[in-house]
């Protein structure tokens, strides 16, 4: 029975988790840079994906 509802539950949960992770990462970057977020330092375009948290050498 739980498999029947699994797609509905994940459809609601994953956007919330994505938003929460994004807010946490932005807060971390803001604290680390003392109020100013240097988006080019932490977020990059990797392939077709924009706003990926990665290092200069690649997606991690």
Protein backbone atom coordinates (compact mmCIF):
# COMPACT_ATOMS: atom_id res chain seq x y z
CA UNK A 1 0.00 0.00 0.00
CA UNK A 2 2.83 2.42 0.77
CA UNK A 3 4.23 2.03 -2.78
CA UNK A 4 0.97 3.45 -4.12
CA UNK A 5 1.55 6.79 -2.38
CA UNK A 6 5.34 6.94 -2.80
CA UNK A 7 5.29 9.10 -5.96
CA UNK A 8 2.89 11.58 -4.38
CA UNK A 9 4.91 11.93 -1.21
CA UNK A 10 8.24 12.35 -3.00
CA UNK A 11 6.69 14.92 -5.35
CA UNK A 12 5.96 17.10 -2.32
CA UNK A 13 9.03 16.33 -0.23
CA UNK A 14 11.91 16.70 -2.69
CA UNK A 15 11.18 20.33 -3.69
CA UNK A 16 11.05 21.22 0.02
CA UNK A 17 14.38 19.48 0.65
CA UNK A 18 15.92 21.19 -2.38
CA UNK A 19 14.78 24.57 -1.10
CA UNK A 20 16.05 23.82 2.41
CA UNK A 21 19.48 22.74 1.11
CA UNK A 22 19.69 25.90 -1.03
CA UNK A 23 18.84 28.14 1.94
CA UNK A 24 21.38 26.35 4.14
CA UNK A 25 24.15 26.69 1.53
CA UNK A 26 23.40 30.38 0.96
CA UNK A 27 23.43 31.00 4.73
CA UNK A 28 26.74 29.18 5.02
CA UNK A 29 28.25 31.24 2.19
CA UNK A 30 26.95 34.46 3.72
CA UNK A 31 28.49 33.62 7.12
CA UNK A 32 31.76 32.54 5.52
CA UNK A 33 32.11 35.74 3.48
CA UNK A 34 30.93 37.97 6.36
CA UNK A 35 27.68 39.12 4.76
CA UNK A 36 28.53 39.21 1.06
CA UNK A 37 27.93 36.14 -1.07
CA UNK A 38 30.54 35.68 -3.79
CA UNK A 39 28.48 33.40 -6.04
CA UNK A 40 31.33 32.85 -8.52
CA UNK A 41 33.44 31.38 -5.72
CA UNK A 42 31.01 28.62 -4.71
CA UNK A 43 28.38 28.21 -7.46
CA UNK A 44 29.26 27.28 -11.03
CA UNK A 45 27.70 26.00 -14.22
CA UNK A 46 28.53 22.32 -14.68
CA UNK A 47 27.49 21.06 -18.09
CA UNK A 48 23.82 21.98 -18.55
CA UNK A 49 23.24 22.56 -14.83
CA UNK A 50 23.39 26.09 -13.39
CA UNK A 51 23.99 27.02 -9.76
CA UNK A 52 25.91 23.86 -8.82
CA UNK A 53 28.00 23.98 -5.68
CA UNK A 54 31.43 22.92 -6.88
CA UNK A 55 35.13 23.63 -6.75
CA UNK A 56 37.28 25.01 -9.54
CA UNK A 57 38.30 21.51 -10.62
CA UNK A 58 34.78 20.13 -10.93
CA UNK A 59 31.51 19.05 -9.46
CA UNK A 60 31.74 17.58 -5.97
